[in-house]
Amino acid sequence: MSSQKKKAWAQDVFRQMKKAGVVRPGVQFVWLAGQNYKKNLGLLLSSFPQRDPMKGLRMGERLSWLSKRLSDV
Protein backbone atom coordinates (compact mmCIF):
# COMPACT_ATOMS: atom_id res chain seq x y z
CA MET A 1 0.00 0.00 0.00
CA SER A 2 1.09 3.54 -0.57
CA SER A 3 1.81 5.68 2.48
CA GLN A 4 -1.44 7.59 1.85
CA LYS A 5 -3.45 4.35 1.77
CA LYS A 6 -1.76 3.18 4.98
CA LYS A 7 -2.76 6.43 6.69
CA ALA A 8 -6.34 6.10 5.44
CA TRP A 9 -6.43 2.47 6.65
CA ALA A 10 -5.22 3.53 10.11
CA GLN A 11 -7.83 6.29 10.34
CA ASP A 12 -10.56 3.84 9.33
CA VAL A 13 -9.44 1.28 11.93
CA PHE A 14 -9.23 4.01 14.58
CA ARG A 15 -12.80 5.12 13.80
CA GLN A 16 -13.99 1.50 14.02
CA MET A 17 -12.20 1.04 17.36
CA LYS A 18 -13.84 4.19 18.74
CA LYS A 19 -17.26 3.09 17.51
CA ALA A 20 -16.78 -0.32 19.17
CA GLY A 21 -15.85 1.38 22.46
CA VAL A 22 -12.28 0.10 22.49
CA VAL A 23 -10.72 3.56 22.58
CA ARG A 24 -11.50 4.83 26.07
CA PRO A 25 -9.65 6.04 29.19
CA GLY A 26 -7.67 3.39 31.03
CA VAL A 27 -7.08 1.17 28.00
CA GLN A 28 -3.61 -0.08 27.12
CA PHE A 29 -2.81 -1.40 23.66
CA VAL A 30 -0.52 -4.37 23.06
CA TRP A 31 0.82 -4.69 19.54
CA LEU A 32 0.94 -8.10 17.91
CA ALA A 33 1.16 -6.68 14.40
CA GLY A 34 4.20 -5.48 12.53
CA GLN A 35 5.50 -1.98 11.95
CA ASN A 36 3.46 -1.47 8.75
CA TYR A 37 0.27 -1.70 10.79
CA LYS A 38 1.59 -0.07 13.93
CA LYS A 39 3.15 3.10 12.54
CA ASN A 40 0.11 5.22 11.63
CA LEU A 41 -2.39 3.60 13.99
CA GLY A 42 0.11 3.96 16.84
CA LEU A 43 0.25 7.70 16.19
CA LEU A 44 -3.54 7.92 16.42
CA LEU A 45 -3.37 6.01 19.72
CA SER A 46 -0.42 8.03 21.05
CA SER A 47 -2.36 9.29 24.09
CA PHE A 48 -2.72 5.67 25.31
CA PRO A 49 -0.06 3.39 26.78
CA GLN A 50 1.23 0.97 24.15
CA ARG A 51 3.48 -2.08 24.40
CA ASP A 52 5.11 -4.08 21.66
CA PRO A 53 6.52 -7.30 23.14
CA MET A 54 7.77 -8.43 19.72
CA LYS A 55 9.41 -5.15 18.68
CA GLY A 56 12.30 -5.76 16.33
CA LEU A 57 11.34 -9.36 15.51
CA ARG A 58 10.96 -10.43 11.89
CA MET A 59 7.86 -12.27 10.65
CA GLY A 60 9.16 -15.79 11.31
CA GLU A 61 10.43 -14.76 14.73
CA ARG A 62 7.02 -13.22 15.53
CA LEU A 63 5.24 -16.43 14.56
CA SER A 64 7.63 -18.44 16.73
CA TRP A 65 7.14 -16.03 19.65
CA LEU A 66 3.34 -16.28 19.35
CA SER A 67 3.40 -20.09 18.99
CA LYS A 68 5.49 -20.41 22.14
CA ARG A 69 3.09 -18.25 24.16
CA LEU A 70 0.05 -20.10 22.82
CA SER A 71 1.54 -23.44 23.80
CA ASP A 72 2.02 -22.12 27.36
CA VAL A 73 -1.74 -21.56 27.88
PDB file of N, CA and C in Angstrom:
ATOM      1  N   MET A   1       0.843  -1.185   0.000  1.00  0.00           N
ATOM      2  CA  MET A   1       0.000   0.000   0.000  1.00  0.00           C
ATOM      3  C   MET A   1       0.883   1.241   0.000  1.00  0.00           C
ATOM      4  N   SER A   2       0.383   2.269  -0.611  1.00  0.00           N
ATOM      5  CA  SER A   2       1.090   3.542  -0.574  1.00  0.00           C
ATOM      6  C   SER A   2       0.989   4.120   0.838  1.00  0.00           C
ATOM      7  N   SER A   3       1.847   5.082   1.143  1.00  0.00           N
ATOM      8  CA  SER A   3       1.806   5.683   2.485  1.00  0.00           C
ATOM      9  C   SER A   3       0.462   6.362   2.735  1.00  0.00           C
ATOM     10  N   GLN A   4      -0.130   6.946   1.701  1.00  0.00           N
ATOM     11  CA  GLN A   4      -1.437   7.595   1.847  1.00  0.00           C
ATOM     12  C   GLN A   4      -2.523   6.563   2.164  1.00  0.00           C
ATOM     13  N   LYS A   5      -2.471   5.404   1.503  1.00  0.00           N
ATOM     14  CA  LYS A   5      -3.453   4.350   1.765  1.00  0.00           C
ATOM     15  C   LYS A   5      -3.262   3.771   3.161  1.00  0.00           C
ATOM     16  N   LYS A   6      -2.025   3.674   3.625  1.00  0.00           N
ATOM     17  CA  LYS A   6      -1.759   3.179   4.977  1.00  0.00           C
ATOM     18  C   LYS A   6      -2.336   4.137   6.017  1.00  0.00           C
ATOM     19  N   LYS A   7      -2.191   5.439   5.779  1.00  0.00           N
ATOM     20  CA  LYS A   7      -2.763   6.434   6.689  1.00  0.00           C
ATOM     21  C   LYS A   7      -4.283   6.347   6.703  1.00  0.00           C
ATOM     22  N   ALA A   8      -4.882   6.207   5.529  1.00  0.00           N
ATOM     23  CA  ALA A   8      -6.343   6.096   5.439  1.00  0.00           C
ATOM     24  C   ALA A   8      -6.822   4.829   6.140  1.00  0.00           C
ATOM     25  N   TRP A   9      -6.089   3.731   5.980  1.00  0.00           N
ATOM     26  CA  TRP A   9      -6.432   2.469   6.648  1.00  0.00           C
ATOM     27  C   TRP A   9      -6.409   2.670   8.166  1.00  0.00           C
ATOM     28  N   ALA A  10      -5.348   3.309   8.674  1.00  0.00           N
ATOM     29  CA  ALA A  10      -5.219   3.534  10.112  1.00  0.00           C
ATOM     30  C   ALA A  10      -6.365   4.392  10.638  1.00  0.00           C
ATOM     31  N   GLN A  11      -6.724   5.426   9.913  1.00  0.00           N
ATOM     32  CA  GLN A  11      -7.829   6.287  10.336  1.00  0.00           C
ATOM     33  C   GLN A  11      -9.143   5.514  10.361  1.00  0.00           C
ATOM     34  N   ASP A  12      -9.339   4.646   9.390  1.00  0.00           N
ATOM     35  CA  ASP A  12     -10.557   3.836   9.332  1.00  0.00           C
ATOM     36  C   ASP A  12     -10.607   2.865  10.514  1.00  0.00           C
ATOM     37  N   VAL A  13      -9.505   2.211  10.793  1.00  0.00           N
ATOM     38  CA  VAL A  13      -9.443   1.282  11.933  1.00  0.00           C
ATOM     39  C   VAL A  13      -9.666   2.032  13.238  1.00  0.00           C
ATOM     40  N   PHE A  14      -9.065   3.202  13.374  1.00  0.00           N
ATOM     41  CA  PHE A  14      -9.232   4.014  14.579  1.00  0.00           C
ATOM     42  C   PHE A  14     -10.705   4.378  14.788  1.00  0.00           C
ATOM     43  N   ARG A  15     -11.371   4.791  13.722  1.00  0.00           N
ATOM     44  CA  ARG A  15     -12.804   5.120  13.802  1.00  0.00           C
ATOM     45  C   ARG A  15     -13.611   3.889  14.235  1.00  0.00           C
ATOM     46  N   GLN A  16     -13.294   2.730  13.661  1.00  0.00           N
ATOM     47  CA  GLN A  16     -13.991   1.502  14.023  1.00  0.00           C
ATOM     48  C   GLN A  16     -13.748   1.137  15.491  1.00  0.00           C
ATOM     49  N   MET A  17     -12.528   1.334  15.959  1.00  0.00           N
ATOM     50  CA  MET A  17     -12.203   1.041  17.357  1.00  0.00           C
ATOM     51  C   MET A  17     -12.985   1.963  18.294  1.00  0.00           C
ATOM     52  N   LYS A  18     -13.064   3.248  17.928  1.00  0.00           N
ATOM     53  CA  LYS A  18     -13.837   4.189  18.741  1.00  0.00           C
ATOM     54  C   LYS A  18     -15.308   3.807  18.767  1.00  0.00           C
ATOM     55  N   LYS A  19     -15.851   3.465  17.602  1.00  0.00           N
ATOM     56  CA  LYS A  19     -17.256   3.090  17.508  1.00  0.00           C
ATOM     57  C   LYS A  19     -17.550   1.847  18.343  1.00  0.00           C
ATOM     58  N   ALA A  20     -16.612   0.920  18.398  1.00  0.00           N
ATOM     59  CA  ALA A  20     -16.778  -0.321  19.172  1.00  0.00           C
ATOM     60  C   ALA A  20     -16.523  -0.109  20.664  1.00  0.00           C
ATOM     61  N   GLY A  21     -16.086   1.089  21.050  1.00  0.00           N
ATOM     62  CA  GLY A  21     -15.847   1.384  22.461  1.00  0.00           C
ATOM     63  C   GLY A  21     -14.504   0.923  22.982  1.00  0.00           C
ATOM     64  N   VAL A  22     -13.601   0.576  22.082  1.00  0.00           N
ATOM     65  CA  VAL A  22     -12.277   0.097  22.489  1.00  0.00           C
ATOM     66  C   VAL A  22     -11.379   1.255  22.919  1.00  0.00           C
ATOM     67  N   VAL A  23     -11.547   2.394  22.282  1.00  0.00           N
ATOM     68  CA  VAL A  23     -10.723   3.565  22.584  1.00  0.00           C
ATOM     69  C   VAL A  23     -11.410   4.350  23.687  1.00  0.00           C
ATOM     70  N   ARG A  24     -10.903   4.156  24.903  1.00  0.00           N
ATOM     71  CA  ARG A  24     -11.497   4.833  26.066  1.00  0.00           C
ATOM     72  C   ARG A  24     -10.435   4.954  27.159  1.00  0.00           C
ATOM     73  N   PRO A  25     -10.635   5.851  28.112  1.00  0.00           N
ATOM     74  CA  PRO A  25      -9.653   6.040  29.186  1.00  0.00           C
ATOM     75  C   PRO A  25      -9.351   4.727  29.916  1.00  0.00           C
ATOM     76  N   GLY A  26      -8.095   4.555  30.269  1.00  0.00           N
ATOM     77  CA  GLY A  26      -7.669   3.392  31.029  1.00  0.00           C
ATOM     78  C   GLY A  26      -7.257   2.197  30.201  1.00  0.00           C
ATOM     79  N   VAL A  27      -7.417   2.291  28.884  1.00  0.00           N
ATOM     80  CA  VAL A  27      -7.083   1.171  28.003  1.00  0.00           C
ATOM     81  C   VAL A  27      -5.599   1.223  27.643  1.00  0.00           C
ATOM     82  N   GLN A  28      -4.990   0.063  27.583  1.00  0.00           N
ATOM     83  CA  GLN A  28      -3.609  -0.078  27.118  1.00  0.00           C
ATOM     84  C   GLN A  28      -3.623  -0.978  25.888  1.00  0.00           C
ATOM     85  N   PHE A  29      -2.845  -0.626  24.887  1.00  0.00           N
ATOM     86  CA  PHE A  29      -2.806  -1.399  23.656  1.00  0.00           C
ATOM     87  C   PHE A  29      -1.520  -2.207  23.582  1.00  0.00           C
ATOM     88  N   VAL A  30      -1.661  -3.479  23.236  1.00  0.00           N
ATOM     89  CA  VAL A  30      -0.521  -4.375  23.060  1.00  0.00           C
ATOM     90  C   VAL A  30      -0.470  -4.735  21.586  1.00  0.00           C
ATOM     91  N   TRP A  31       0.655  -4.449  20.973  1.00  0.00           N
ATOM     92  CA  TRP A  31       0.823  -4.692  19.544  1.00  0.00           C
ATOM     93  C   TRP A  31       1.271  -6.113  19.280  1.00  0.00           C
ATOM     94  N   LEU A  32       0.540  -6.788  18.406  1.00  0.00           N
ATOM     95  CA  LEU A  32       0.938  -8.104  17.912  1.00  0.00           C
ATOM     96  C   LEU A  32       1.165  -8.049  16.412  1.00  0.00           C
ATOM     97  N   ALA A  33       0.971  -6.885  15.834  1.00  0.00           N
ATOM     98  CA  ALA A  33       1.162  -6.677  14.399  1.00  0.00           C
ATOM     99  C   ALA A  33       2.512  -6.023  14.151  1.00  0.00           C
ATOM    100  N   GLY A  34       2.925  -6.068  12.913  1.00  0.00           N
ATOM    101  CA  GLY A  34       4.205  -5.484  12.534  1.00  0.00           C
ATOM    102  C   GLY A  34       4.156  -3.978  12.362  1.00  0.00           C
ATOM    103  N   GLN A  35       5.309  -3.424  12.066  1.00  0.00           N
ATOM    104  CA  GLN A  35       5.497  -1.978  11.946  1.00  0.00           C
ATOM    105  C   GLN A  35       4.585  -1.352  10.896  1.00  0.00           C
ATOM    106  N   ASN A  36       4.327  -2.044   9.795  1.00  0.00           N
ATOM    107  CA  ASN A  36       3.464  -1.471   8.749  1.00  0.00           C
ATOM    108  C   ASN A  36       2.076  -1.146   9.280  1.00  0.00           C
ATOM    109  N   TYR A  37       1.585  -1.938  10.201  1.00  0.00           N
ATOM    110  CA  TYR A  37       0.268  -1.700  10.785  1.00  0.00           C
ATOM    111  C   TYR A  37       0.359  -0.735  11.970  1.00  0.00           C
ATOM    112  N   LYS A  38       1.436  -0.823  12.682  1.00  0.00           N
ATOM    113  CA  LYS A  38       1.585  -0.069  13.926  1.00  0.00           C
ATOM    114  C   LYS A  38       1.886   1.412  13.713  1.00  0.00           C
ATOM    115  N   LYS A  39       2.642   1.735  12.702  1.00  0.00           N
ATOM    116  CA  LYS A  39       3.150   3.103  12.538  1.00  0.00           C
ATOM    117  C   LYS A  39       2.055   4.168  12.615  1.00  0.00           C
ATOM    118  N   ASN A  40       1.127   4.172  11.676  1.00  0.00           N
ATOM    119  CA  ASN A  40       0.108   5.224  11.630  1.00  0.00           C
ATOM    120  C   ASN A  40      -0.966   5.056  12.697  1.00  0.00           C
ATOM    121  N   LEU A  41      -1.371   3.827  12.958  1.00  0.00           N
ATOM    122  CA  LEU A  41      -2.385   3.599  13.987  1.00  0.00           C
ATOM    123  C   LEU A  41      -1.818   3.936  15.365  1.00  0.00           C
ATOM    124  N   GLY A  42      -0.552   3.622  15.578  1.00  0.00           N
ATOM    125  CA  GLY A  42       0.106   3.960  16.841  1.00  0.00           C
ATOM    126  C   GLY A  42       0.116   5.458  17.097  1.00  0.00           C
ATOM    127  N   LEU A  43       0.290   6.236  16.045  1.00  0.00           N
ATOM    128  CA  LEU A  43       0.248   7.698  16.190  1.00  0.00           C
ATOM    129  C   LEU A  43      -1.137   8.165  16.624  1.00  0.00           C
ATOM    130  N   LEU A  44      -2.166   7.551  16.048  1.00  0.00           N
ATOM    131  CA  LEU A  44      -3.536   7.918  16.420  1.00  0.00           C
ATOM    132  C   LEU A  44      -3.861   7.502  17.853  1.00  0.00           C
ATOM    133  N   LEU A  45      -3.160   6.502  18.349  1.00  0.00           N
ATOM    134  CA  LEU A  45      -3.368   6.009  19.717  1.00  0.00           C
ATOM    135  C   LEU A  45      -2.295   6.533  20.682  1.00  0.00           C
ATOM    136  N   SER A  46      -1.580   7.564  20.277  1.00  0.00           N
ATOM    137  CA  SER A  46      -0.418   8.034  21.053  1.00  0.00           C
ATOM    138  C   SER A  46      -0.760   8.512  22.465  1.00  0.00           C
ATOM    139  N   SER A  47      -2.004   8.843  22.736  1.00  0.00           N
ATOM    140  CA  SER A  47      -2.363   9.286  24.092  1.00  0.00           C
ATOM    141  C   SER A  47      -2.623   8.100  25.030  1.00  0.00           C
ATOM    142  N   PHE A  48      -2.498   6.882  24.513  1.00  0.00           N
ATOM    143  CA  PHE A  48      -2.719   5.675  25.307  1.00  0.00           C
ATOM    144  C   PHE A  48      -1.403   4.924  25.488  1.00  0.00           C
ATOM    145  N   PRO A  49      -1.246   4.247  26.620  1.00  0.00           N
ATOM    146  CA  PRO A  49      -0.064   3.394  26.780  1.00  0.00           C
ATOM    147  C   PRO A  49      -0.075   2.285  25.722  1.00  0.00           C
ATOM    148  N   GLN A  50       1.102   2.011  25.170  1.00  0.00           N
ATOM    149  CA  GLN A  50       1.234   0.970  24.151  1.00  0.00           C
ATOM    150  C   GLN A  50       2.469   0.132  24.451  1.00  0.00           C
ATOM    151  N   ARG A  51       2.344  -1.164  24.248  1.00  0.00           N
ATOM    152  CA  ARG A  51       3.479  -2.077  24.402  1.00  0.00           C
ATOM    153  C   ARG A  51       3.615  -2.897  23.134  1.00  0.00           C
ATOM    154  N   ASP A  52       4.841  -3.228  22.809  1.00  0.00           N
ATOM    155  CA  ASP A  52       5.111  -4.079  21.657  1.00  0.00           C
ATOM    156  C   ASP A  52       6.117  -5.145  22.092  1.00  0.00           C
ATOM    157  N   PRO A  53       5.625  -6.272  22.614  1.00  0.00           N
ATOM    158  CA  PRO A  53       6.524  -7.297  23.136  1.00  0.00           C
ATOM    159  C   PRO A  53       7.366  -7.980  22.058  1.00  0.00           C
ATOM    160  N   MET A  54       7.013  -7.791  20.801  1.00  0.00           N
ATOM    161  CA  MET A  54       7.767  -8.430  19.716  1.00  0.00           C
ATOM    162  C   MET A  54       8.539  -7.414  18.875  1.00  0.00           C
ATOM    163  N   LYS A  55       8.729  -6.216  19.422  1.00  0.00           N
ATOM    164  CA  LYS A  55       9.413  -5.154  18.685  1.00  0.00           C
ATOM    165  C   LYS A  55      10.770  -5.647  18.188  1.00  0.00           C
ATOM    166  N   GLY A  56      11.017  -5.400  16.918  1.00  0.00           N
ATOM    167  CA  GLY A  56      12.295  -5.764  16.330  1.00  0.00           C
ATOM    168  C   GLY A  56      12.362  -7.179  15.766  1.00  0.00           C
ATOM    169  N   LEU A  57      11.331  -7.989  16.017  1.00  0.00           N
ATOM    170  CA  LEU A  57      11.339  -9.357  15.509  1.00  0.00           C
ATOM    171  C   LEU A  57      10.825  -9.389  14.070  1.00  0.00           C
ATOM    172  N   ARG A  58      11.431 -10.247  13.253  1.00  0.00           N
ATOM    173  CA  ARG A  58      10.962 -10.432  11.886  1.00  0.00           C
ATOM    174  C   ARG A  58       9.754 -11.367  11.899  1.00  0.00           C
ATOM    175  N   MET A  59       9.106 -11.508  10.742  1.00  0.00           N
ATOM    176  CA  MET A  59       7.858 -12.268  10.647  1.00  0.00           C
ATOM    177  C   MET A  59       7.993 -13.685  11.217  1.00  0.00           C
ATOM    178  N   GLY A  60       8.979 -14.431  10.800  1.00  0.00           N
ATOM    179  CA  GLY A  60       9.157 -15.792  11.306  1.00  0.00           C
ATOM    180  C   GLY A  60       9.402 -15.819  12.802  1.00  0.00           C
ATOM    181  N   GLU A  61      10.158 -14.856  13.292  1.00  0.00           N
ATOM    182  CA  GLU A  61      10.428 -14.759  14.729  1.00  0.00           C
ATOM    183  C   GLU A  61       9.151 -14.415  15.493  1.00  0.00           C
ATOM    184  N   ARG A  62       8.305 -13.572  14.902  1.00  0.00           N
ATOM    185  CA  ARG A  62       7.025 -13.220  15.528  1.00  0.00           C
ATOM    186  C   ARG A  62       6.124 -14.451  15.631  1.00  0.00           C
ATOM    187  N   LEU A  63       6.062 -15.214  14.551  1.00  0.00           N
ATOM    188  CA  LEU A  63       5.239 -16.425  14.564  1.00  0.00           C
ATOM    189  C   LEU A  63       5.737 -17.412  15.606  1.00  0.00           C
ATOM    190  N   SER A  64       7.036 -17.551  15.730  1.00  0.00           N
ATOM    191  CA  SER A  64       7.625 -18.441  16.730  1.00  0.00           C
ATOM    192  C   SER A  64       7.302 -17.940  18.139  1.00  0.00           C
ATOM    193  N   TRP A  65       7.425 -16.638  18.358  1.00  0.00           N
ATOM    194  CA  TRP A  65       7.138 -16.032  19.653  1.00  0.00           C
ATOM    195  C   TRP A  65       5.678 -16.293  20.040  1.00  0.00           C
ATOM    196  N   LEU A  66       4.766 -16.072  19.087  1.00  0.00           N
ATOM    197  CA  LEU A  66       3.339 -16.281  19.349  1.00  0.00           C
ATOM    198  C   LEU A  66       3.033 -17.752  19.594  1.00  0.00           C
ATOM    199  N   SER A  67       3.626 -18.652  18.805  1.00  0.00           N
ATOM    200  CA  SER A  67       3.403 -20.093  18.988  1.00  0.00           C
ATOM    201  C   SER A  67       3.844 -20.542  20.362  1.00  0.00           C
ATOM    202  N   LYS A  68       4.984 -20.040  20.810  1.00  0.00           N
ATOM    203  CA  LYS A  68       5.486 -20.407  22.138  1.00  0.00           C
ATOM    204  C   LYS A  68       4.511 -19.966  23.218  1.00  0.00           C
ATOM    205  N   ARG A  69       4.009 -18.751  23.135  1.00  0.00           N
ATOM    206  CA  ARG A  69       3.086 -18.249  24.156  1.00  0.00           C
ATOM    207  C   ARG A  69       1.762 -18.989  24.105  1.00  0.00           C
ATOM    208  N   LEU A  70       1.304 -19.347  22.919  1.00  0.00           N
ATOM    209  CA  LEU A  70       0.050 -20.096  22.822  1.00  0.00           C
ATOM    210  C   LEU A  70       0.186 -21.501  23.381  1.00  0.00           C
ATOM    211  N   SER A  71       1.342 -22.089  23.252  1.00  0.00           N
ATOM    212  CA  SER A  71       1.537 -23.436  23.796  1.00  0.00           C
ATOM    213  C   SER A  71       1.646 -23.419  25.318  1.00  0.00           C
ATOM    214  N   ASP A  72       1.911 -22.253  25.902  1.00  0.00           N
ATOM    215  CA  ASP A  72       2.021 -22.116  27.359  1.00  0.00           C
ATOM    216  C   ASP A  72       0.670 -21.989  28.037  1.00  0.00           C
ATOM    217  N   VAL A  73      -0.405 -21.729  27.252  1.00  0.00           N
ATOM    218  CA  VAL A  73      -1.736 -21.558  27.877  1.00  0.00           C
ATOM    219  C   VAL A  73      -2.536 -22.840  27.900  1.00  0.00           C
TER     220      VAL A  73
END
